Amino acid sequence: MVGYDAWHELFADPEHALECFAFGLSSTCRLRVHSRGSFEYKWTVEVKHGEAWVEDSTTGLIFYPFWRREQIRYRCNTVINDEQ
C-alpha cells in the first residue's frame, strides 16, 4: 500500500508500488485536499500534463460535516523535479 496523507492505493506488484511512491515525491504530482471546516474528507491525486492538472484518483469519506464551508488545499512535494 502506498499513501499520500489519507489517499491510498494497494499494489500487488512491489515495482508498481515503488513507482507510485516516487511519483508522490515528484513535482508532477499533487494532492488536492477537500475539507469542511477543519474536517478533511476527500483526497485527490492530480498529475501535471503541460500547464494543466488532471485528476487521477480520489479517496474520500462518506460521512462528513457537509453543512460547513468547503476549503480546498493543495499539497505537493518537489524532491524529484521532473519538469524539464
Protein backbone atom coordinates (compact mmCIF):
# COMPACT_ATOMS: atom_id res chain seq x y z
CA MET A 1 0.00 0.00 0.00
CA VAL A 2 1.17 3.50 -0.88
CA GLY A 3 -0.43 6.51 0.74
CA TYR A 4 -0.24 10.28 0.44
CA ASP A 5 -1.94 11.68 3.54
CA ALA A 6 -5.28 9.76 3.64
CA TRP A 7 -5.27 8.90 -0.09
CA HIS A 8 -4.06 5.33 -0.61
CA GLU A 9 -3.80 2.58 -3.19
CA LEU A 10 -2.99 -1.11 -2.91
CA PHE A 11 -0.46 -2.79 -5.21
CA ALA A 12 0.22 -6.46 -5.88
CA ASP A 13 3.50 -5.66 -7.67
CA PRO A 14 6.22 -4.08 -5.48
CA GLU A 15 7.73 -2.30 -8.51
CA HIS A 16 4.43 -0.51 -9.24
CA ALA A 17 4.23 0.48 -5.57
CA LEU A 18 7.75 1.92 -5.72
CA GLU A 19 6.90 3.86 -8.90
CA CYS A 20 3.80 5.30 -7.18
CA PHE A 21 5.88 6.24 -4.12
CA ALA A 22 8.46 8.02 -6.30
CA PHE A 23 5.68 9.76 -8.25
CA GLY A 24 4.39 11.20 -4.96
CA LEU A 25 7.79 12.86 -4.42
CA SER A 26 7.83 14.43 -7.89
CA SER A 27 6.86 17.92 -8.98
CA THR A 28 4.29 16.50 -11.44
CA CYS A 29 2.13 15.10 -8.62
CA ARG A 30 -0.01 16.99 -6.16
CA LEU A 31 -2.72 16.11 -3.68
CA ARG A 32 -5.93 18.17 -3.64
CA VAL A 33 -7.43 18.05 -0.13
CA HIS A 34 -11.08 18.98 0.47
CA SER A 35 -12.24 19.89 3.95
CA ARG A 36 -15.39 21.19 5.58
CA GLY A 37 -14.46 23.39 8.49
CA SER A 38 -11.31 21.69 9.81
CA PHE A 39 -12.52 18.18 8.84
CA GLU A 40 -10.71 16.68 5.83
CA TYR A 41 -12.91 14.32 3.84
CA LYS A 42 -11.64 13.93 0.25
CA TRP A 43 -8.16 13.50 -1.24
CA THR A 44 -7.48 13.56 -5.00
CA VAL A 45 -4.16 12.80 -6.67
CA GLU A 46 -3.56 15.06 -9.66
CA VAL A 47 -1.00 14.71 -12.47
CA LYS A 48 0.53 17.68 -14.30
CA HIS A 49 0.20 17.48 -18.10
CA GLY A 50 1.79 20.56 -19.65
CA GLU A 51 0.31 23.50 -17.75
CA ALA A 52 -2.86 21.67 -16.64
CA TRP A 53 -3.50 19.49 -13.60
CA VAL A 54 -5.58 16.36 -14.34
CA GLU A 55 -7.37 14.21 -11.73
CA ASP A 56 -6.02 10.68 -11.37
CA SER A 57 -7.82 9.06 -8.44
CA THR A 58 -9.78 10.01 -5.33
CA THR A 59 -10.23 8.62 -1.83
CA GLY A 60 -12.99 10.02 0.33
CA LEU A 61 -15.16 9.58 3.39
CA ILE A 62 -18.91 9.00 3.27
CA PHE A 63 -19.78 10.94 6.41
CA TYR A 64 -18.51 14.49 6.90
CA PRO A 65 -19.96 17.83 8.07
CA PHE A 66 -21.39 18.85 4.68
CA TRP A 67 -23.04 21.96 6.15
CA ARG A 68 -19.68 23.62 6.85
CA ARG A 69 -17.90 25.84 4.33
CA GLU A 70 -15.68 23.92 1.91
CA GLN A 71 -11.97 24.62 1.64
CA ILE A 72 -9.54 23.16 -0.88
CA ARG A 73 -5.80 22.99 -0.28
CA TYR A 74 -3.01 21.56 -2.41
CA ARG A 75 -0.03 19.58 -1.13
CA CYS A 76 2.99 18.89 -3.29
CA ASN A 77 6.50 17.53 -2.89
CA THR A 78 9.35 18.64 -5.09
CA VAL A 79 12.04 16.18 -4.02
CA ILE A 80 12.16 14.91 -7.62
CA ASN A 81 11.92 17.78 -10.12
CA ASP A 82 10.80 16.16 -13.37
CA GLU A 83 9.54 19.35 -15.04
CA GLN A 84 12.36 19.79 -17.54
